[in-house]
Amino acid sequence: MTDQYKRNIAYKLRIGDLLLGKPIFDNEKFIYIELGTKKISRVNIVGNIVDKYESEGDKKYLFFTLDDGSGQIKLKIFGEEDSEKFKGITQGETVVIIGVARNWNNETYIQPEIISQKDSKYLLVRKLELEKHKKENSKPVKDKKEVQAIKDKILDKIKVAESEGGIDSEKILLEFREISTETINEEIQRLLEEGIIFEPRPGRLRYLG
């Protein structure tokens, strides 16, 4: 398998993970999204179309907003031929997107190559598939010092987010995707039990101090 082929794999991702990646440029030209050890130039994402905008006039373009529960991202289609190809996609549909990751003016978006309509249940299927993959590839944490370090990192994230009214536990899971979901949830629960943080509503975490 050549390096070029590896670079062009359409990675299965959640939107929240993609948006946490770091855009890499070469002389102001966008190259790829760096996410852990992955260099992502193409993606395979399942989500719901929650918004659609179609241009009027001579310059043809289509913008969709895709939401998979972990975040939202724009799909941008330019030109008459491609706009005509995807104009049948409507708001409310569940779709699989295969496309090229782009970044312009500090915004990461996707330029679709394929948009396939799917049953709404497919969104949950993909979520479970990625969660299973993460669990299988997450390293178990047993060392007490390592557990304490993870706990401190989680607490630091919650403290920093206090100025924004807290942070969602889902976002913490995305931030520390190299650590198993089970370990993160255990440390969040421990912080709650110790009275260091609290939940103003389910899934929202704030620092009590």
N, C-alpha and C. Protein backbone atom coordinates (compact mmCIF):
# COMPACT_ATOMS: atom_id res chain seq x y z
N MET A 1 0.85 -1.20 0.00
CA MET A 1 0.00 0.00 0.00
C MET A 1 0.89 1.25 0.00
N THR A 2 0.72 2.15 -0.94
CA THR A 2 1.57 3.33 -1.03
C THR A 2 1.16 4.39 -0.03
N ASP A 3 2.10 5.32 0.26
CA ASP A 3 1.80 6.42 1.18
C ASP A 3 0.69 7.29 0.62
N GLN A 4 0.69 7.49 -0.71
CA GLN A 4 -0.34 8.32 -1.34
C GLN A 4 -1.72 7.72 -1.10
N TYR A 5 -1.83 6.41 -1.22
CA TYR A 5 -3.12 5.76 -1.00
C TYR A 5 -3.55 5.91 0.46
N LYS A 6 -2.60 5.75 1.38
CA LYS A 6 -2.92 5.89 2.80
C LYS A 6 -3.46 7.28 3.09
N ARG A 7 -2.84 8.29 2.49
CA ARG A 7 -3.27 9.66 2.74
C ARG A 7 -4.68 9.91 2.24
N ASN A 8 -5.11 9.14 1.24
CA ASN A 8 -6.41 9.38 0.63
C ASN A 8 -7.52 8.50 1.19
N ILE A 9 -7.25 7.74 2.24
CA ILE A 9 -8.31 6.96 2.88
C ILE A 9 -9.38 7.91 3.41
N ALA A 10 -10.65 7.56 3.21
CA ALA A 10 -11.75 8.34 3.77
C ALA A 10 -12.02 7.82 5.19
N TYR A 11 -11.50 8.51 6.18
CA TYR A 11 -11.60 8.06 7.57
C TYR A 11 -13.02 8.19 8.10
N LYS A 12 -13.49 7.14 8.77
CA LYS A 12 -14.77 7.19 9.47
C LYS A 12 -14.57 7.96 10.78
N LEU A 13 -15.30 9.05 10.93
CA LEU A 13 -15.12 9.92 12.08
C LEU A 13 -16.45 10.47 12.55
N ARG A 14 -16.46 10.96 13.80
CA ARG A 14 -17.56 11.80 14.27
C ARG A 14 -17.15 13.25 14.02
N ILE A 15 -18.13 14.10 13.82
CA ILE A 15 -17.84 15.50 13.50
C ILE A 15 -17.03 16.16 14.60
N GLY A 16 -17.40 15.88 15.86
CA GLY A 16 -16.68 16.47 16.99
C GLY A 16 -15.21 16.14 16.97
N ASP A 17 -14.86 14.90 16.58
CA ASP A 17 -13.45 14.51 16.49
C ASP A 17 -12.74 15.30 15.39
N LEU A 18 -13.39 15.40 14.22
CA LEU A 18 -12.78 16.12 13.10
C LEU A 18 -12.50 17.58 13.47
N LEU A 19 -13.44 18.20 14.16
CA LEU A 19 -13.29 19.62 14.52
C LEU A 19 -12.22 19.83 15.59
N LEU A 20 -11.88 18.78 16.33
CA LEU A 20 -10.80 18.88 17.31
C LEU A 20 -9.42 18.76 16.66
N GLY A 21 -9.40 18.30 15.41
CA GLY A 21 -8.13 18.14 14.71
C GLY A 21 -7.48 19.48 14.39
N LYS A 22 -6.19 19.42 14.11
CA LYS A 22 -5.40 20.63 13.82
C LYS A 22 -5.19 20.76 12.31
N PRO A 23 -5.67 21.85 11.70
CA PRO A 23 -5.43 22.06 10.27
C PRO A 23 -3.94 22.31 10.01
N ILE A 24 -3.38 21.60 9.04
CA ILE A 24 -1.97 21.74 8.69
C ILE A 24 -1.86 22.42 7.32
N PHE A 25 -0.99 23.44 7.26
CA PHE A 25 -0.83 24.23 6.03
C PHE A 25 0.62 24.16 5.55
N ASP A 26 0.78 24.36 4.26
CA ASP A 26 2.10 24.50 3.65
C ASP A 26 2.09 25.79 2.84
N ASN A 27 2.77 26.83 3.38
CA ASN A 27 2.75 28.14 2.73
C ASN A 27 1.33 28.64 2.48
N GLU A 28 0.51 28.56 3.53
CA GLU A 28 -0.88 29.02 3.54
C GLU A 28 -1.83 28.13 2.74
N LYS A 29 -1.31 27.07 2.12
CA LYS A 29 -2.17 26.12 1.41
C LYS A 29 -2.54 24.99 2.37
N PHE A 30 -3.84 24.75 2.55
CA PHE A 30 -4.28 23.68 3.44
C PHE A 30 -3.90 22.32 2.87
N ILE A 31 -3.36 21.45 3.76
CA ILE A 31 -2.90 20.12 3.33
C ILE A 31 -3.80 19.02 3.89
N TYR A 32 -3.95 19.00 5.23
CA TYR A 32 -4.75 17.96 5.87
C TYR A 32 -5.09 18.37 7.30
N ILE A 33 -5.93 17.55 7.94
CA ILE A 33 -6.25 17.70 9.36
C ILE A 33 -5.42 16.68 10.14
N GLU A 34 -4.70 17.15 11.12
CA GLU A 34 -3.90 16.26 11.97
C GLU A 34 -4.72 15.90 13.20
N LEU A 35 -4.99 14.60 13.37
CA LEU A 35 -5.77 14.11 14.50
C LEU A 35 -5.04 12.91 15.10
N GLY A 36 -4.32 13.16 16.19
CA GLY A 36 -3.48 12.09 16.73
C GLY A 36 -2.39 11.74 15.73
N THR A 37 -2.33 10.48 15.34
CA THR A 37 -1.34 10.04 14.35
C THR A 37 -1.89 10.07 12.93
N LYS A 38 -3.16 10.43 12.78
CA LYS A 38 -3.80 10.42 11.46
C LYS A 38 -3.62 11.74 10.74
N LYS A 39 -3.38 11.65 9.44
CA LYS A 39 -3.35 12.82 8.56
C LYS A 39 -4.57 12.71 7.65
N ILE A 40 -5.59 13.50 7.95
CA ILE A 40 -6.90 13.30 7.34
C ILE A 40 -7.14 14.30 6.21
N SER A 41 -7.30 13.78 5.00
CA SER A 41 -7.65 14.63 3.87
C SER A 41 -9.04 14.28 3.32
N ARG A 42 -9.49 13.05 3.60
CA ARG A 42 -10.83 12.64 3.17
C ARG A 42 -11.55 12.00 4.35
N VAL A 43 -12.87 12.16 4.38
CA VAL A 43 -13.65 11.67 5.53
C VAL A 43 -14.88 10.90 5.07
N ASN A 44 -15.37 10.07 5.97
CA ASN A 44 -16.60 9.30 5.79
C ASN A 44 -17.44 9.53 7.05
N ILE A 45 -18.48 10.36 6.95
CA ILE A 45 -19.24 10.78 8.12
C ILE A 45 -20.74 10.56 7.90
N VAL A 46 -21.41 10.11 8.95
CA VAL A 46 -22.87 9.95 8.93
C VAL A 46 -23.49 11.04 9.78
N GLY A 47 -24.54 11.66 9.29
CA GLY A 47 -25.20 12.71 10.07
C GLY A 47 -26.55 13.08 9.48
N ASN A 48 -27.19 14.03 10.13
CA ASN A 48 -28.48 14.55 9.66
C ASN A 48 -28.30 15.93 9.04
N ILE A 49 -28.95 16.15 7.92
CA ILE A 49 -28.95 17.47 7.28
C ILE A 49 -29.92 18.36 8.07
N VAL A 50 -29.38 19.38 8.73
CA VAL A 50 -30.24 20.24 9.57
C VAL A 50 -30.47 21.60 8.94
N ASP A 51 -29.73 21.91 7.86
CA ASP A 51 -29.94 23.18 7.17
C ASP A 51 -29.45 23.06 5.73
N LYS A 52 -30.09 23.83 4.84
CA LYS A 52 -29.71 23.81 3.43
C LYS A 52 -29.85 25.21 2.86
N TYR A 53 -28.83 25.63 2.09
CA TYR A 53 -28.91 26.92 1.40
C TYR A 53 -28.49 26.74 -0.04
N GLU A 54 -29.34 27.17 -0.96
CA GLU A 54 -29.07 27.08 -2.39
C GLU A 54 -29.01 28.47 -2.99
N SER A 55 -27.93 28.75 -3.69
CA SER A 55 -27.74 30.09 -4.24
C SER A 55 -28.72 30.38 -5.37
N GLU A 56 -28.93 31.66 -5.61
CA GLU A 56 -29.72 32.11 -6.74
C GLU A 56 -28.81 32.90 -7.68
N GLY A 57 -29.15 32.95 -8.94
CA GLY A 57 -28.33 33.70 -9.88
C GLY A 57 -27.35 32.81 -10.62
N ASP A 58 -26.35 33.46 -11.23
CA ASP A 58 -25.42 32.76 -12.10
C ASP A 58 -24.42 31.88 -11.34
N LYS A 59 -23.97 32.34 -10.18
CA LYS A 59 -22.99 31.56 -9.41
C LYS A 59 -23.72 30.50 -8.59
N LYS A 60 -23.54 29.27 -9.00
CA LYS A 60 -24.26 28.17 -8.35
C LYS A 60 -23.43 27.55 -7.23
N TYR A 61 -24.04 27.45 -6.06
CA TYR A 61 -23.42 26.73 -4.96
C TYR A 61 -24.49 26.26 -3.99
N LEU A 62 -24.15 25.22 -3.23
CA LEU A 62 -25.05 24.65 -2.23
C LEU A 62 -24.29 24.53 -0.92
N PHE A 63 -24.93 24.94 0.17
CA PHE A 63 -24.36 24.74 1.50
C PHE A 63 -25.33 23.90 2.32
N PHE A 64 -24.82 22.84 2.94
CA PHE A 64 -25.61 22.05 3.90
C PHE A 64 -24.94 22.14 5.26
N THR A 65 -25.72 21.99 6.32
CA THR A 65 -25.17 21.82 7.67
C THR A 65 -25.46 20.40 8.11
N LEU A 66 -24.39 19.68 8.50
CA LEU A 66 -24.49 18.28 8.91
C LEU A 66 -24.29 18.19 10.42
N ASP A 67 -25.15 17.42 11.09
CA ASP A 67 -25.10 17.26 12.55
C ASP A 67 -25.16 15.77 12.87
N ASP A 68 -24.21 15.29 13.71
CA ASP A 68 -24.23 13.88 14.10
C ASP A 68 -24.36 13.70 15.61
N GLY A 69 -24.69 14.78 16.32
CA GLY A 69 -24.84 14.69 17.77
C GLY A 69 -23.58 15.07 18.51
N SER A 70 -22.42 15.03 17.84
CA SER A 70 -21.17 15.42 18.49
C SER A 70 -20.72 16.80 18.04
N GLY A 71 -21.36 17.32 17.00
CA GLY A 71 -21.01 18.63 16.47
C GLY A 71 -21.68 18.86 15.12
N GLN A 72 -21.44 20.04 14.56
CA GLN A 72 -21.98 20.39 13.26
C GLN A 72 -20.85 20.84 12.34
N ILE A 73 -21.02 20.57 11.05
CA ILE A 73 -20.02 20.99 10.06
C ILE A 73 -20.73 21.34 8.77
N LYS A 74 -20.16 22.26 8.02
CA LYS A 74 -20.72 22.67 6.75
C LYS A 74 -20.25 21.74 5.63
N LEU A 75 -21.17 21.46 4.71
CA LEU A 75 -20.85 20.79 3.44
C LEU A 75 -20.98 21.87 2.37
N LYS A 76 -19.94 22.07 1.58
CA LYS A 76 -19.95 23.15 0.59
C LYS A 76 -19.72 22.59 -0.80
N ILE A 77 -20.66 22.89 -1.70
CA ILE A 77 -20.61 22.41 -3.08
C ILE A 77 -20.62 23.62 -4.00
N PHE A 78 -19.64 23.69 -4.88
CA PHE A 78 -19.51 24.83 -5.78
C PHE A 78 -19.62 24.39 -7.24
N GLY A 79 -20.22 25.23 -8.07
CA GLY A 79 -20.33 24.95 -9.49
C GLY A 79 -21.68 24.36 -9.87
N GLU A 80 -22.10 24.62 -11.09
CA GLU A 80 -23.43 24.21 -11.54
C GLU A 80 -23.60 22.70 -11.59
N GLU A 81 -22.58 21.99 -12.08
CA GLU A 81 -22.69 20.54 -12.24
C GLU A 81 -22.86 19.83 -10.91
N ASP A 82 -22.00 20.15 -9.93
CA ASP A 82 -22.10 19.50 -8.62
C ASP A 82 -23.32 19.95 -7.84
N SER A 83 -23.70 21.22 -7.99
CA SER A 83 -24.90 21.71 -7.31
C SER A 83 -26.13 20.97 -7.80
N GLU A 84 -26.18 20.72 -9.10
CA GLU A 84 -27.31 19.99 -9.69
C GLU A 84 -27.33 18.55 -9.19
N LYS A 85 -26.14 17.98 -9.02
CA LYS A 85 -26.00 16.59 -8.59
C LYS A 85 -26.55 16.37 -7.17
N PHE A 86 -26.39 17.37 -6.30
CA PHE A 86 -26.76 17.20 -4.90
C PHE A 86 -28.00 18.00 -4.48
N LYS A 87 -28.65 18.67 -5.42
CA LYS A 87 -29.76 19.55 -5.05
C LYS A 87 -30.97 18.78 -4.50
N GLY A 88 -31.05 17.47 -4.79
CA GLY A 88 -32.17 16.67 -4.30
C GLY A 88 -32.08 16.32 -2.83
N ILE A 89 -30.94 16.54 -2.21
CA ILE A 89 -30.78 16.29 -0.77
C ILE A 89 -31.54 17.36 0.00
N THR A 90 -32.35 16.94 0.97
CA THR A 90 -33.21 17.89 1.67
C THR A 90 -32.95 17.89 3.18
N GLN A 91 -33.36 18.96 3.81
CA GLN A 91 -33.23 19.10 5.25
C GLN A 91 -34.01 17.99 5.96
N GLY A 92 -33.41 17.41 7.00
CA GLY A 92 -34.07 16.36 7.76
C GLY A 92 -33.62 14.96 7.39
N GLU A 93 -32.91 14.82 6.28
CA GLU A 93 -32.46 13.50 5.85
C GLU A 93 -31.20 13.06 6.61
N THR A 94 -31.08 11.74 6.80
CA THR A 94 -29.86 11.14 7.33
C THR A 94 -29.02 10.70 6.13
N VAL A 95 -27.75 11.06 6.13
CA VAL A 95 -26.90 10.79 4.97
C VAL A 95 -25.52 10.30 5.39
N VAL A 96 -24.87 9.60 4.45
CA VAL A 96 -23.45 9.28 4.57
C VAL A 96 -22.71 10.21 3.61
N ILE A 97 -21.71 10.90 4.14
CA ILE A 97 -20.91 11.82 3.34
C ILE A 97 -19.51 11.25 3.16
N ILE A 98 -19.08 11.14 1.93
CA ILE A 98 -17.67 10.88 1.65
C ILE A 98 -17.16 12.10 0.89
N GLY A 99 -16.11 12.73 1.44
CA GLY A 99 -15.65 13.95 0.81
C GLY A 99 -14.28 14.39 1.29
N VAL A 100 -13.88 15.54 0.79
CA VAL A 100 -12.55 16.09 1.08
C VAL A 100 -12.66 17.12 2.20
N ALA A 101 -11.80 16.99 3.19
CA ALA A 101 -11.74 17.98 4.27
C ALA A 101 -11.05 19.23 3.76
N ARG A 102 -11.64 20.39 4.06
CA ARG A 102 -11.07 21.67 3.66
C ARG A 102 -11.01 22.60 4.86
N ASN A 103 -10.19 23.62 4.76
CA ASN A 103 -10.15 24.66 5.79
C ASN A 103 -9.88 26.00 5.13
N TRP A 104 -10.77 26.95 5.40
CA TRP A 104 -10.63 28.29 4.82
C TRP A 104 -11.11 29.31 5.84
N ASN A 105 -10.33 30.36 6.06
CA ASN A 105 -10.68 31.39 7.03
C ASN A 105 -11.01 30.80 8.41
N ASN A 106 -10.17 29.87 8.85
CA ASN A 106 -10.31 29.24 10.17
C ASN A 106 -11.57 28.38 10.31
N GLU A 107 -12.17 27.99 9.20
CA GLU A 107 -13.34 27.11 9.24
C GLU A 107 -13.01 25.79 8.54
N THR A 108 -13.19 24.69 9.27
CA THR A 108 -13.06 23.37 8.65
C THR A 108 -14.42 22.98 8.09
N TYR A 109 -14.44 22.56 6.83
CA TYR A 109 -15.69 22.12 6.19
C TYR A 109 -15.39 20.93 5.28
N ILE A 110 -16.44 20.36 4.68
CA ILE A 110 -16.27 19.20 3.80
C ILE A 110 -16.78 19.54 2.40
N GLN A 111 -16.00 19.19 1.41
CA GLN A 111 -16.44 19.28 0.01
C GLN A 111 -16.84 17.87 -0.42
N PRO A 112 -18.15 17.60 -0.51
CA PRO A 112 -18.61 16.22 -0.73
C PRO A 112 -18.25 15.68 -2.12
N GLU A 113 -17.91 14.40 -2.14
CA GLU A 113 -17.77 13.66 -3.38
C GLU A 113 -19.02 12.80 -3.59
N ILE A 114 -19.50 12.22 -2.48
CA ILE A 114 -20.68 11.36 -2.50
C ILE A 114 -21.57 11.72 -1.30
N ILE A 115 -22.87 11.84 -1.54
CA ILE A 115 -23.84 11.98 -0.46
C ILE A 115 -24.90 10.91 -0.68
N SER A 116 -24.97 9.94 0.24
CA SER A 116 -25.93 8.84 0.10
C SER A 116 -26.97 8.92 1.21
N GLN A 117 -28.24 8.84 0.83
CA GLN A 117 -29.32 8.86 1.81
C GLN A 117 -29.39 7.53 2.54
N LYS A 118 -29.64 7.58 3.86
CA LYS A 118 -29.69 6.39 4.69
C LYS A 118 -30.90 6.47 5.63
N ASP A 119 -31.29 5.31 6.17
CA ASP A 119 -32.29 5.28 7.23
C ASP A 119 -31.73 5.99 8.45
N SER A 120 -32.59 6.66 9.21
CA SER A 120 -32.15 7.43 10.38
C SER A 120 -31.44 6.55 11.42
N LYS A 121 -31.76 5.25 11.44
CA LYS A 121 -31.11 4.33 12.40
C LYS A 121 -29.61 4.19 12.13
N TYR A 122 -29.21 4.52 10.90
CA TYR A 122 -27.81 4.35 10.52
C TYR A 122 -26.89 5.26 11.33
N LEU A 123 -27.42 6.39 11.80
CA LEU A 123 -26.63 7.32 12.62
C LEU A 123 -26.19 6.64 13.92
N LEU A 124 -27.11 5.90 14.54
CA LEU A 124 -26.79 5.18 15.78
C LEU A 124 -25.84 4.03 15.50
N VAL A 125 -26.05 3.35 14.37
CA VAL A 125 -25.17 2.23 13.99
C VAL A 125 -23.72 2.71 13.87
N ARG A 126 -23.54 3.84 13.19
CA ARG A 126 -22.18 4.38 13.03
C ARG A 126 -21.59 4.82 14.37
N LYS A 127 -22.40 5.45 15.21
CA LYS A 127 -21.92 5.89 16.53
C LYS A 127 -21.41 4.70 17.35
N LEU A 128 -22.20 3.61 17.35
CA LEU A 128 -21.82 2.42 18.10
C LEU A 128 -20.57 1.77 17.50
N GLU A 129 -20.48 1.80 16.18
CA GLU A 129 -19.31 1.24 15.49
C GLU A 129 -18.03 1.97 15.91
N LEU A 130 -18.09 3.31 15.95
CA LEU A 130 -16.92 4.10 16.30
C LEU A 130 -16.58 3.99 17.79
N GLU A 131 -17.62 3.87 18.63
CA GLU A 131 -17.39 3.70 20.07
C GLU A 131 -16.71 2.35 20.34
N LYS A 132 -17.14 1.32 19.61
CA LYS A 132 -16.53 -0.01 19.76
C LYS A 132 -15.07 0.03 19.32
N HIS A 133 -14.82 0.71 18.22
CA HIS A 133 -13.45 0.82 17.70
C HIS A 133 -12.56 1.57 18.70
N LYS A 134 -13.10 2.65 19.29
CA LYS A 134 -12.33 3.42 20.27
C LYS A 134 -12.02 2.57 21.49
N LYS A 135 -13.00 1.80 21.95
CA LYS A 135 -12.81 0.96 23.13
C LYS A 135 -11.74 -0.09 22.89
N GLU A 136 -11.77 -0.69 21.69
CA GLU A 136 -10.79 -1.73 21.36
C GLU A 136 -9.39 -1.17 21.24
N ASN A 137 -9.28 0.13 20.88
CA ASN A 137 -7.97 0.73 20.65
C ASN A 137 -7.49 1.63 21.78
N SER A 138 -8.32 1.77 22.83
CA SER A 138 -7.93 2.58 23.98
C SER A 138 -7.08 1.73 24.92
N LYS A 139 -6.04 2.35 25.44
CA LYS A 139 -5.19 1.58 26.35
C LYS A 139 -5.80 1.60 27.76
N PRO A 140 -5.81 0.46 28.44
CA PRO A 140 -6.34 0.43 29.80
C PRO A 140 -5.45 1.21 30.75
N VAL A 141 -6.07 1.87 31.72
CA VAL A 141 -5.31 2.67 32.69
C VAL A 141 -5.37 1.97 34.04
N LYS A 142 -4.21 1.58 34.57
CA LYS A 142 -4.17 0.84 35.84
C LYS A 142 -3.30 1.55 36.87
N ASP A 143 -2.26 2.23 36.41
CA ASP A 143 -1.34 2.89 37.32
C ASP A 143 -2.02 4.04 38.05
N LYS A 144 -1.83 4.12 39.38
CA LYS A 144 -2.51 5.13 40.19
C LYS A 144 -2.09 6.55 39.80
N LYS A 145 -0.80 6.73 39.51
CA LYS A 145 -0.32 8.05 39.11
C LYS A 145 -0.93 8.48 37.78
N GLU A 146 -1.09 7.50 36.88
CA GLU A 146 -1.67 7.80 35.57
C GLU A 146 -3.14 8.16 35.72
N VAL A 147 -3.86 7.42 36.59
CA VAL A 147 -5.27 7.71 36.85
C VAL A 147 -5.41 9.12 37.43
N GLN A 148 -4.53 9.48 38.36
CA GLN A 148 -4.58 10.82 38.97
C GLN A 148 -4.31 11.89 37.93
N ALA A 149 -3.39 11.62 37.01
CA ALA A 149 -3.07 12.58 35.95
C ALA A 149 -4.28 12.81 35.05
N ILE A 150 -5.01 11.73 34.75
CA ILE A 150 -6.21 11.85 33.92
C ILE A 150 -7.27 12.66 34.65
N LYS A 151 -7.44 12.38 35.93
CA LYS A 151 -8.40 13.10 36.76
C LYS A 151 -8.07 14.59 36.77
N ASP A 152 -6.78 14.92 36.91
CA ASP A 152 -6.35 16.32 36.93
C ASP A 152 -6.62 17.01 35.59
N LYS A 153 -6.38 16.28 34.49
CA LYS A 153 -6.62 16.84 33.16
C LYS A 153 -8.11 17.15 32.95
N ILE A 154 -8.95 16.23 33.40
CA ILE A 154 -10.40 16.43 33.28
C ILE A 154 -10.82 17.65 34.10
N LEU A 155 -10.31 17.73 35.31
CA LEU A 155 -10.65 18.86 36.18
C LEU A 155 -10.18 20.18 35.57
N ASP A 156 -8.98 20.19 34.99
CA ASP A 156 -8.47 21.40 34.35
C ASP A 156 -9.39 21.87 33.23
N LYS A 157 -9.89 20.90 32.43
CA LYS A 157 -10.82 21.25 31.34
C LYS A 157 -12.09 21.88 31.88
N ILE A 158 -12.60 21.32 32.97
CA ILE A 158 -13.83 21.83 33.57
C ILE A 158 -13.61 23.23 34.15
N LYS A 159 -12.46 23.44 34.78
CA LYS A 159 -12.13 24.76 35.33
C LYS A 159 -12.05 25.82 34.23
N VAL A 160 -11.36 25.49 33.15
CA VAL A 160 -11.19 26.43 32.03
C VAL A 160 -12.54 26.80 31.42
N ALA A 161 -13.46 25.82 31.37
CA ALA A 161 -14.77 26.04 30.76
C ALA A 161 -15.74 26.77 31.67
N GLU A 162 -15.35 27.05 32.90
CA GLU A 162 -16.26 27.68 33.86
C GLU A 162 -16.73 29.05 33.37
N SER A 163 -15.85 29.76 32.66
CA SER A 163 -16.22 31.08 32.15
C SER A 163 -17.29 31.00 31.07
N GLU A 164 -17.49 29.79 30.52
CA GLU A 164 -18.50 29.58 29.49
C GLU A 164 -19.72 28.84 30.04
N GLY A 165 -19.79 28.76 31.36
CA GLY A 165 -20.94 28.08 31.98
C GLY A 165 -20.81 26.58 32.03
N GLY A 166 -19.58 26.09 31.97
CA GLY A 166 -19.35 24.65 32.06
C GLY A 166 -19.05 23.99 30.74
N ILE A 167 -18.96 22.66 30.78
CA ILE A 167 -18.60 21.88 29.60
C ILE A 167 -19.42 20.60 29.57
N ASP A 168 -19.78 20.13 28.39
CA ASP A 168 -20.52 18.88 28.25
C ASP A 168 -19.57 17.69 28.42
N SER A 169 -20.05 16.65 29.09
CA SER A 169 -19.22 15.45 29.28
C SER A 169 -18.84 14.83 27.94
N GLU A 170 -19.71 14.97 26.94
CA GLU A 170 -19.42 14.45 25.60
C GLU A 170 -18.17 15.10 25.02
N LYS A 171 -18.01 16.40 25.27
CA LYS A 171 -16.84 17.11 24.76
C LYS A 171 -15.56 16.63 25.44
N ILE A 172 -15.66 16.32 26.72
CA ILE A 172 -14.49 15.79 27.43
C ILE A 172 -14.09 14.45 26.85
N LEU A 173 -15.06 13.61 26.53
CA LEU A 173 -14.78 12.32 25.91
C LEU A 173 -14.06 12.51 24.57
N LEU A 174 -14.48 13.52 23.82
CA LEU A 174 -13.85 13.79 22.53
C LEU A 174 -12.43 14.33 22.70
N GLU A 175 -12.24 15.17 23.72
CA GLU A 175 -10.92 15.76 23.97
C GLU A 175 -9.89 14.69 24.32
N PHE A 176 -10.32 13.66 25.06
CA PHE A 176 -9.41 12.62 25.52
C PHE A 176 -9.75 11.28 24.85
N ARG A 177 -9.83 11.30 23.53
CA ARG A 177 -10.27 10.12 22.79
C ARG A 177 -9.30 8.95 22.88
N GLU A 178 -8.02 9.24 23.30
CA GLU A 178 -7.04 8.15 23.42
C GLU A 178 -7.25 7.36 24.71
N ILE A 179 -8.10 7.87 25.61
CA ILE A 179 -8.38 7.21 26.89
C ILE A 179 -9.76 6.56 26.80
N SER A 180 -9.93 5.40 27.40
CA SER A 180 -11.20 4.70 27.30
C SER A 180 -12.33 5.50 27.92
N THR A 181 -13.51 5.39 27.31
CA THR A 181 -14.71 6.08 27.80
C THR A 181 -15.00 5.69 29.24
N GLU A 182 -14.80 4.41 29.54
CA GLU A 182 -15.07 3.90 30.89
C GLU A 182 -14.21 4.62 31.93
N THR A 183 -12.92 4.79 31.63
CA THR A 183 -12.00 5.46 32.56
C THR A 183 -12.40 6.90 32.79
N ILE A 184 -12.72 7.61 31.71
CA ILE A 184 -13.11 9.03 31.83
C ILE A 184 -14.39 9.16 32.65
N ASN A 185 -15.38 8.31 32.36
CA ASN A 185 -16.64 8.38 33.10
C ASN A 185 -16.44 8.08 34.60
N GLU A 186 -15.53 7.15 34.89
CA GLU A 186 -15.24 6.82 36.29
C GLU A 186 -14.64 8.02 37.02
N GLU A 187 -13.73 8.73 36.36
CA GLU A 187 -13.08 9.89 36.99
C GLU A 187 -14.05 11.06 37.13
N ILE A 188 -14.93 11.24 36.16
CA ILE A 188 -15.97 12.29 36.27
C ILE A 188 -16.88 11.98 37.46
N GLN A 189 -17.28 10.71 37.57
CA GLN A 189 -18.15 10.31 38.68
C GLN A 189 -17.45 10.52 40.02
N ARG A 190 -16.15 10.25 40.06
CA ARG A 190 -15.39 10.43 41.30
C ARG A 190 -15.33 11.92 41.69
N LEU A 191 -15.15 12.78 40.71
CA LEU A 191 -15.13 14.23 40.96
C LEU A 191 -16.48 14.72 41.46
N LEU A 192 -17.56 14.14 40.92
CA LEU A 192 -18.91 14.48 41.37
C LEU A 192 -19.12 14.05 42.83
N GLU A 193 -18.70 12.84 43.13
CA GLU A 193 -18.87 12.29 44.48
C GLU A 193 -18.04 13.05 45.51
N GLU A 194 -16.89 13.57 45.08
CA GLU A 194 -16.02 14.32 45.99
C GLU A 194 -16.49 15.77 46.17
N GLY A 195 -17.50 16.17 45.38
CA GLY A 195 -18.03 17.52 45.51
C GLY A 195 -17.16 18.60 44.89
N ILE A 196 -16.24 18.19 44.01
CA ILE A 196 -15.36 19.15 43.35
C ILE A 196 -16.05 19.77 42.14
N ILE A 197 -16.90 18.98 41.48
CA ILE A 197 -17.70 19.47 40.35
C ILE A 197 -19.16 19.12 40.59
N PHE A 198 -20.05 19.72 39.77
CA PHE A 198 -21.47 19.39 39.87
C PHE A 198 -22.10 19.44 38.48
N GLU A 199 -23.30 18.87 38.39
CA GLU A 199 -24.05 18.84 37.14
C GLU A 199 -25.28 19.75 37.26
N PRO A 200 -25.25 20.95 36.64
CA PRO A 200 -26.43 21.79 36.66
C PRO A 200 -27.59 21.16 35.87
N ARG A 201 -27.22 20.33 34.90
CA ARG A 201 -28.19 19.52 34.17
C ARG A 201 -27.46 18.28 33.67
N PRO A 202 -28.19 17.22 33.34
CA PRO A 202 -27.53 15.97 32.93
C PRO A 202 -26.54 16.19 31.78
N GLY A 203 -25.30 15.72 32.00
CA GLY A 203 -24.28 15.81 30.96
C GLY A 203 -23.49 17.10 30.94
N ARG A 204 -23.90 18.09 31.72
CA ARG A 204 -23.20 19.38 31.79
C ARG A 204 -22.41 19.44 33.10
N LEU A 205 -21.13 19.77 33.01
CA LEU A 205 -20.27 19.74 34.19
C LEU A 205 -19.73 21.13 34.50
N ARG A 206 -19.74 21.48 35.81
CA ARG A 206 -19.21 22.76 36.26
C ARG A 206 -18.33 22.57 37.48
N TYR A 207 -17.41 23.50 37.64
CA TYR A 207 -16.46 23.46 38.77
C TYR A 207 -17.09 24.11 40.00
N LEU A 208 -17.07 23.37 41.11
CA LEU A 208 -17.67 23.89 42.35
C LEU A 208 -16.64 24.68 43.15
N GLY A 209 -15.38 24.27 43.08
CA GLY A 209 -14.34 25.02 43.77
C GLY A 209 -14.22 24.63 45.24
